[in-house]
Amino acid sequence: MKISLNHFDKAFENRVRLQVMSVLLANERYDFNSLKELLNVTDGNLASHLKALEKEAYIVVNKSFVGRKPNTQYTASEKGRDAFKKHLEALENLIKQQKQ
């Protein structure tokens, strides 16, 4: 049986990007430091994956200051939510096909 990979999104092939989108779909927003701690990744690693998701317009970045400290918040865009849900559906379909 040939498996169609048309609905898999390359943006979510990486573990960190998959985790970031999972967190952002489960929460309204998340800040950089909290994501870094939760996912146990370095600043540079997280920043590069967030940049990749931002480039696809899958996340929205909001930079502000809390007192004198910079604070960067991330939210999933509507486009990102839709793409991630389609990706998850494709994974579920793949699993179902393997069980047959």
N, C-alpha and C. Protein backbone atom coordinates (compact mmCIF):
# COMPACT_ATOMS: atom_id res chain seq x y z
N MET A 1 0.84 -1.17 0.00
CA MET A 1 0.00 0.00 0.00
C MET A 1 0.90 1.24 0.00
N LYS A 2 0.61 2.16 -0.90
CA LYS A 2 1.38 3.39 -0.99
C LYS A 2 0.78 4.42 -0.04
N ILE A 3 1.63 5.09 0.72
CA ILE A 3 1.18 6.08 1.69
C ILE A 3 1.39 7.47 1.13
N SER A 4 0.35 8.28 1.12
CA SER A 4 0.44 9.65 0.63
C SER A 4 1.00 10.56 1.72
N LEU A 5 2.01 11.32 1.36
CA LEU A 5 2.63 12.24 2.32
C LEU A 5 2.25 13.69 2.02
N ASN A 6 1.21 13.89 1.22
CA ASN A 6 0.82 15.23 0.79
C ASN A 6 0.45 16.17 1.93
N HIS A 7 -0.11 15.64 2.98
CA HIS A 7 -0.59 16.51 4.06
C HIS A 7 0.40 16.65 5.21
N PHE A 8 1.56 16.02 5.08
CA PHE A 8 2.60 16.21 6.09
C PHE A 8 3.28 17.55 5.83
N ASP A 9 3.52 18.30 6.88
CA ASP A 9 4.13 19.62 6.75
C ASP A 9 5.58 19.54 7.23
N LYS A 10 6.51 19.83 6.34
CA LYS A 10 7.94 19.77 6.68
C LYS A 10 8.30 20.68 7.85
N ALA A 11 7.54 21.73 8.06
CA ALA A 11 7.81 22.64 9.17
C ALA A 11 7.71 21.94 10.52
N PHE A 12 6.96 20.85 10.57
CA PHE A 12 6.75 20.14 11.83
C PHE A 12 7.54 18.84 11.93
N GLU A 13 8.48 18.61 11.02
CA GLU A 13 9.28 17.40 11.07
C GLU A 13 10.24 17.39 12.25
N ASN A 14 10.65 18.57 12.68
CA ASN A 14 11.59 18.66 13.79
C ASN A 14 10.87 18.57 15.12
N ARG A 15 11.46 17.86 16.05
CA ARG A 15 10.87 17.64 17.38
C ARG A 15 10.57 18.95 18.09
N VAL A 16 11.49 19.92 18.04
CA VAL A 16 11.30 21.18 18.77
C VAL A 16 10.12 21.96 18.19
N ARG A 17 10.03 22.02 16.86
CA ARG A 17 8.91 22.75 16.24
C ARG A 17 7.58 22.07 16.53
N LEU A 18 7.60 20.76 16.54
CA LEU A 18 6.39 20.02 16.87
C LEU A 18 5.97 20.32 18.31
N GLN A 19 6.94 20.35 19.21
CA GLN A 19 6.64 20.66 20.61
C GLN A 19 6.17 22.10 20.79
N VAL A 20 6.81 23.04 20.11
CA VAL A 20 6.42 24.45 20.22
C VAL A 20 4.96 24.60 19.80
N MET A 21 4.61 24.03 18.66
CA MET A 21 3.23 24.17 18.19
C MET A 21 2.24 23.48 19.13
N SER A 22 2.63 22.36 19.69
CA SER A 22 1.77 21.67 20.66
C SER A 22 1.50 22.56 21.87
N VAL A 23 2.56 23.19 22.36
CA VAL A 23 2.42 24.10 23.52
C VAL A 23 1.54 25.29 23.16
N LEU A 24 1.75 25.86 21.98
CA LEU A 24 1.00 27.06 21.59
C LEU A 24 -0.46 26.75 21.28
N LEU A 25 -0.77 25.54 20.86
CA LEU A 25 -2.16 25.20 20.65
C LEU A 25 -2.87 24.91 21.97
N ALA A 26 -2.11 24.45 22.96
CA ALA A 26 -2.69 24.15 24.27
C ALA A 26 -2.78 25.39 25.16
N ASN A 27 -2.02 26.44 24.81
CA ASN A 27 -1.99 27.68 25.61
C ASN A 27 -2.20 28.87 24.68
N GLU A 28 -2.81 29.90 25.21
CA GLU A 28 -3.06 31.09 24.39
C GLU A 28 -1.76 31.73 23.93
N ARG A 29 -0.76 31.79 24.82
CA ARG A 29 0.55 32.36 24.48
C ARG A 29 1.58 31.77 25.41
N TYR A 30 2.83 31.91 25.01
CA TYR A 30 3.94 31.40 25.83
C TYR A 30 5.13 32.29 25.58
N ASP A 31 5.92 32.55 26.63
CA ASP A 31 7.09 33.40 26.44
C ASP A 31 8.34 32.56 26.18
N PHE A 32 9.37 33.22 25.66
CA PHE A 32 10.59 32.56 25.23
C PHE A 32 11.23 31.74 26.35
N ASN A 33 11.45 32.36 27.49
CA ASN A 33 12.13 31.67 28.59
C ASN A 33 11.34 30.47 29.11
N SER A 34 10.04 30.60 29.16
CA SER A 34 9.21 29.47 29.60
C SER A 34 9.26 28.33 28.60
N LEU A 35 9.23 28.65 27.30
CA LEU A 35 9.37 27.62 26.28
C LEU A 35 10.72 26.93 26.38
N LYS A 36 11.77 27.73 26.55
CA LYS A 36 13.13 27.18 26.65
C LYS A 36 13.23 26.20 27.81
N GLU A 37 12.69 26.59 28.94
CA GLU A 37 12.74 25.73 30.13
C GLU A 37 11.88 24.47 29.95
N LEU A 38 10.69 24.65 29.44
CA LEU A 38 9.77 23.52 29.25
C LEU A 38 10.34 22.49 28.28
N LEU A 39 10.93 22.96 27.17
CA LEU A 39 11.42 22.07 26.13
C LEU A 39 12.85 21.62 26.35
N ASN A 40 13.51 22.22 27.34
CA ASN A 40 14.89 21.87 27.68
C ASN A 40 15.82 22.00 26.47
N VAL A 41 15.81 23.20 25.87
CA VAL A 41 16.65 23.50 24.72
C VAL A 41 17.46 24.77 25.00
N THR A 42 18.47 25.00 24.18
CA THR A 42 19.29 26.20 24.35
C THR A 42 18.60 27.41 23.72
N ASP A 43 19.08 28.60 24.07
CA ASP A 43 18.55 29.83 23.47
C ASP A 43 18.63 29.78 21.95
N GLY A 44 19.82 29.45 21.45
CA GLY A 44 20.04 29.45 20.01
C GLY A 44 19.20 28.42 19.28
N ASN A 45 19.08 27.24 19.86
CA ASN A 45 18.28 26.18 19.25
C ASN A 45 16.82 26.60 19.17
N LEU A 46 16.28 27.09 20.27
CA LEU A 46 14.88 27.52 20.29
C LEU A 46 14.67 28.68 19.33
N ALA A 47 15.57 29.65 19.35
CA ALA A 47 15.43 30.83 18.49
C ALA A 47 15.38 30.44 17.02
N SER A 48 16.22 29.50 16.62
CA SER A 48 16.23 29.11 15.20
C SER A 48 14.94 28.41 14.80
N HIS A 49 14.39 27.60 15.69
CA HIS A 49 13.13 26.91 15.37
C HIS A 49 11.95 27.89 15.40
N LEU A 50 11.96 28.82 16.32
CA LEU A 50 10.90 29.83 16.34
C LEU A 50 10.96 30.68 15.08
N LYS A 51 12.17 31.01 14.63
CA LYS A 51 12.34 31.80 13.40
C LYS A 51 11.77 31.04 12.20
N ALA A 52 12.00 29.73 12.15
CA ALA A 52 11.47 28.91 11.06
C ALA A 52 9.93 28.92 11.07
N LEU A 53 9.34 28.81 12.23
CA LEU A 53 7.87 28.85 12.33
C LEU A 53 7.34 30.24 12.00
N GLU A 54 8.07 31.26 12.40
CA GLU A 54 7.67 32.64 12.09
C GLU A 54 7.74 32.88 10.58
N LYS A 55 8.76 32.36 9.94
CA LYS A 55 8.94 32.52 8.49
C LYS A 55 7.76 31.91 7.73
N GLU A 56 7.21 30.81 8.24
CA GLU A 56 6.05 30.17 7.63
C GLU A 56 4.74 30.88 8.00
N ALA A 57 4.83 31.88 8.87
CA ALA A 57 3.67 32.60 9.39
C ALA A 57 2.78 31.69 10.24
N TYR A 58 3.40 30.71 10.90
CA TYR A 58 2.67 29.79 11.77
C TYR A 58 2.58 30.31 13.20
N ILE A 59 3.44 31.25 13.55
CA ILE A 59 3.37 31.86 14.88
C ILE A 59 3.43 33.38 14.74
N VAL A 60 2.93 34.04 15.78
CA VAL A 60 2.96 35.50 15.86
C VAL A 60 3.86 35.86 17.04
N VAL A 61 4.75 36.80 16.82
CA VAL A 61 5.72 37.20 17.84
C VAL A 61 5.32 38.58 18.35
N ASN A 62 5.27 38.73 19.68
CA ASN A 62 4.95 40.02 20.30
C ASN A 62 6.05 40.35 21.30
N LYS A 63 6.82 41.39 20.99
CA LYS A 63 7.92 41.80 21.86
C LYS A 63 7.49 43.01 22.67
N SER A 64 7.81 42.97 23.97
CA SER A 64 7.47 44.07 24.86
C SER A 64 8.51 44.11 25.98
N PHE A 65 8.29 45.00 26.92
CA PHE A 65 9.15 45.08 28.09
C PHE A 65 8.31 44.89 29.33
N VAL A 66 8.85 44.15 30.29
CA VAL A 66 8.26 44.01 31.62
C VAL A 66 9.26 44.69 32.53
N GLY A 67 8.90 45.89 32.94
CA GLY A 67 9.88 46.72 33.64
C GLY A 67 10.95 47.10 32.64
N ARG A 68 12.16 46.74 32.93
CA ARG A 68 13.26 47.02 32.01
C ARG A 68 13.71 45.80 31.22
N LYS A 69 13.06 44.68 31.48
CA LYS A 69 13.46 43.43 30.83
C LYS A 69 12.62 43.17 29.58
N PRO A 70 13.28 42.78 28.49
CA PRO A 70 12.52 42.42 27.29
C PRO A 70 11.75 41.12 27.52
N ASN A 71 10.57 41.05 26.93
CA ASN A 71 9.73 39.87 27.05
C ASN A 71 9.15 39.57 25.67
N THR A 72 9.40 38.37 25.18
CA THR A 72 8.89 37.97 23.87
C THR A 72 7.86 36.87 24.06
N GLN A 73 6.66 37.13 23.57
CA GLN A 73 5.55 36.20 23.67
C GLN A 73 5.25 35.63 22.29
N TYR A 74 4.84 34.37 22.26
CA TYR A 74 4.51 33.70 21.01
C TYR A 74 3.09 33.17 21.08
N THR A 75 2.38 33.30 19.97
CA THR A 75 1.05 32.70 19.83
C THR A 75 0.99 31.99 18.49
N ALA A 76 0.16 31.00 18.40
CA ALA A 76 -0.04 30.31 17.12
C ALA A 76 -0.99 31.15 16.27
N SER A 77 -0.62 31.37 15.02
CA SER A 77 -1.50 32.09 14.11
C SER A 77 -2.61 31.15 13.64
N GLU A 78 -3.63 31.71 13.04
CA GLU A 78 -4.71 30.88 12.50
C GLU A 78 -4.17 29.93 11.43
N LYS A 79 -3.27 30.44 10.60
CA LYS A 79 -2.63 29.61 9.57
C LYS A 79 -1.85 28.47 10.23
N GLY A 80 -1.13 28.78 11.31
CA GLY A 80 -0.36 27.77 12.02
C GLY A 80 -1.24 26.72 12.66
N ARG A 81 -2.34 27.17 13.25
CA ARG A 81 -3.28 26.22 13.87
C ARG A 81 -3.83 25.25 12.83
N ASP A 82 -4.25 25.80 11.69
CA ASP A 82 -4.81 24.95 10.63
C ASP A 82 -3.76 23.97 10.10
N ALA A 83 -2.56 24.46 9.84
CA ALA A 83 -1.49 23.60 9.31
C ALA A 83 -1.14 22.50 10.30
N PHE A 84 -1.07 22.84 11.57
CA PHE A 84 -0.71 21.85 12.58
C PHE A 84 -1.79 20.79 12.72
N LYS A 85 -3.05 21.21 12.69
CA LYS A 85 -4.15 20.25 12.79
C LYS A 85 -4.15 19.30 11.60
N LYS A 86 -3.88 19.83 10.40
CA LYS A 86 -3.81 18.97 9.21
C LYS A 86 -2.65 17.99 9.32
N HIS A 87 -1.53 18.45 9.85
CA HIS A 87 -0.37 17.59 10.04
C HIS A 87 -0.70 16.45 11.02
N LEU A 88 -1.36 16.79 12.11
CA LEU A 88 -1.74 15.76 13.08
C LEU A 88 -2.73 14.77 12.49
N GLU A 89 -3.66 15.26 11.69
CA GLU A 89 -4.62 14.36 11.03
C GLU A 89 -3.89 13.41 10.07
N ALA A 90 -2.89 13.92 9.37
CA ALA A 90 -2.10 13.08 8.46
C ALA A 90 -1.36 12.00 9.25
N LEU A 91 -0.81 12.36 10.42
CA LEU A 91 -0.14 11.37 11.26
C LEU A 91 -1.13 10.30 11.74
N GLU A 92 -2.32 10.74 12.15
CA GLU A 92 -3.34 9.79 12.60
C GLU A 92 -3.74 8.84 11.47
N ASN A 93 -3.88 9.38 10.27
CA ASN A 93 -4.25 8.55 9.12
C ASN A 93 -3.15 7.55 8.81
N LEU A 94 -1.90 7.97 8.94
CA LEU A 94 -0.78 7.07 8.71
C LEU A 94 -0.82 5.90 9.70
N ILE A 95 -1.09 6.23 10.96
CA ILE A 95 -1.16 5.19 11.99
C ILE A 95 -2.32 4.23 11.69
N LYS A 96 -3.45 4.76 11.29
CA LYS A 96 -4.61 3.92 10.98
C LYS A 96 -4.32 3.01 9.81
N GLN A 97 -3.61 3.52 8.79
CA GLN A 97 -3.27 2.70 7.61
C GLN A 97 -2.32 1.57 8.00
N GLN A 98 -1.44 1.85 8.94
CA GLN A 98 -0.47 0.82 9.35
C GLN A 98 -1.15 -0.30 10.13
N LYS A 99 -2.26 -0.01 10.79
CA LYS A 99 -2.97 -1.02 11.57
C LYS A 99 -3.78 -1.95 10.69
N GLN A 100 -4.06 -1.55 9.46
CA GLN A 100 -4.90 -2.37 8.57
C GLN A 100 -4.14 -3.50 7.97
